Amino acid sequence: EQQQQQQQQQQQQQQQQQQQQQQQQQQVSRESLRGQSPRRLGKGKDF
């Protein structure tokens, strides 16, 4: 039972890390769009 609990905890931690990485990527892509065109930036904010 202890082993199963440890595995579950590890899986949860991995999921949280993946979510954080995705959020960071979105922020970076928005910043890169700022320099290109204001129209794209507006669409990005709507999402």
C-alpha atoms as a PDB file:
ATOM      1  CA  GLU A   1       0.000   0.000   0.000  1.00  0.00           C
ATOM      2  CA  GLN A   2       2.826   2.398   0.818  1.00  0.00           C
ATOM      3  CA  GLN A   3       4.382   1.871  -2.611  1.00  0.00           C
ATOM      4  CA  GLN A   4       1.084   2.652  -4.349  1.00  0.00           C
ATOM      5  CA  GLN A   5       0.687   5.877  -2.388  1.00  0.00           C
ATOM      6  CA  GLN A   6       4.202   6.980  -3.330  1.00  0.00           C
ATOM      7  CA  GLN A   7       3.531   6.309  -7.012  1.00  0.00           C
ATOM      8  CA  GLN A   8       0.324   8.328  -6.915  1.00  0.00           C
ATOM      9  CA  GLN A   9       2.109  11.267  -5.307  1.00  0.00           C
ATOM     10  CA  GLN A  10       4.826  11.189  -7.964  1.00  0.00           C
ATOM     11  CA  GLN A  11       2.239  11.181 -10.751  1.00  0.00           C
ATOM     12  CA  GLN A  12       0.448  14.180  -9.252  1.00  0.00           C
ATOM     13  CA  GLN A  13       3.712  16.117  -9.003  1.00  0.00           C
ATOM     14  CA  GLN A  14       4.542  15.375 -12.643  1.00  0.00           C
ATOM     15  CA  GLN A  15       1.126  16.624 -13.768  1.00  0.00           C
ATOM     16  CA  GLN A  16       1.579  19.873 -11.860  1.00  0.00           C
ATOM     17  CA  GLN A  17       4.992  20.440 -13.439  1.00  0.00           C
ATOM     18  CA  GLN A  18       3.574  19.894 -16.929  1.00  0.00           C
ATOM     19  CA  GLN A  19       0.825  22.449 -16.317  1.00  0.00           C
ATOM     20  CA  GLN A  20       3.355  25.033 -15.152  1.00  0.00           C
ATOM     21  CA  GLN A  21       5.510  24.492 -18.241  1.00  0.00           C
ATOM     22  CA  GLN A  22       2.502  24.969 -20.539  1.00  0.00           C
ATOM     23  CA  GLN A  23       1.597  28.256 -18.854  1.00  0.00           C
ATOM     24  CA  GLN A  24       5.151  29.556 -19.261  1.00  0.00           C
ATOM     25  CA  GLN A  25       5.166  28.668 -22.971  1.00  0.00           C
ATOM     26  CA  GLN A  26       1.920  30.592 -23.521  1.00  0.00           C
ATOM     27  CA  GLN A  27       3.349  33.687 -21.848  1.00  0.00           C
ATOM     28  CA  VAL A  28       6.497  33.565 -23.986  1.00  0.00           C
ATOM     29  CA  SER A  29       4.536  33.185 -27.234  1.00  0.00           C
ATOM     30  CA  ARG A  30       2.375  36.200 -26.339  1.00  0.00           C
ATOM     31  CA  GLU A  31       5.451  38.316 -25.647  1.00  0.00           C
ATOM     32  CA  SER A  32       6.990  37.342 -28.990  1.00  0.00           C
ATOM     33  CA  LEU A  33       3.759  38.297 -30.781  1.00  0.00           C
ATOM     34  CA  ARG A  34       3.847  41.789 -29.256  1.00  0.00           C
ATOM     35  CA  GLY A  35       6.824  42.734 -31.411  1.00  0.00           C
ATOM     36  CA  GLN A  36       5.180  41.428 -34.600  1.00  0.00           C
ATOM     37  CA  SER A  37       1.625  42.728 -34.839  1.00  0.00           C
ATOM     38  CA  PRO A  38      -0.934  44.252 -32.444  1.00  0.00           C
ATOM     39  CA  ARG A  39      -3.811  42.459 -34.232  1.00  0.00           C
ATOM     40  CA  ARG A  40      -2.535  39.015 -33.266  1.00  0.00           C
ATOM     41  CA  LEU A  41      -2.009  40.190 -29.697  1.00  0.00           C
ATOM     42  CA  GLY A  42      -5.672  41.222 -29.456  1.00  0.00           C
ATOM     43  CA  LYS A  43      -6.817  37.788 -30.594  1.00  0.00           C
ATOM     44  CA  GLY A  44      -4.488  36.135 -28.104  1.00  0.00           C
ATOM     45  CA  LYS A  45      -5.934  38.104 -25.204  1.00  0.00           C
ATOM     46  CA  ASP A  46      -9.469  37.050 -26.139  1.00  0.00           C
ATOM     47  CA  PHE A  47      -8.448  33.426 -25.662  1.00  0.00           C
END
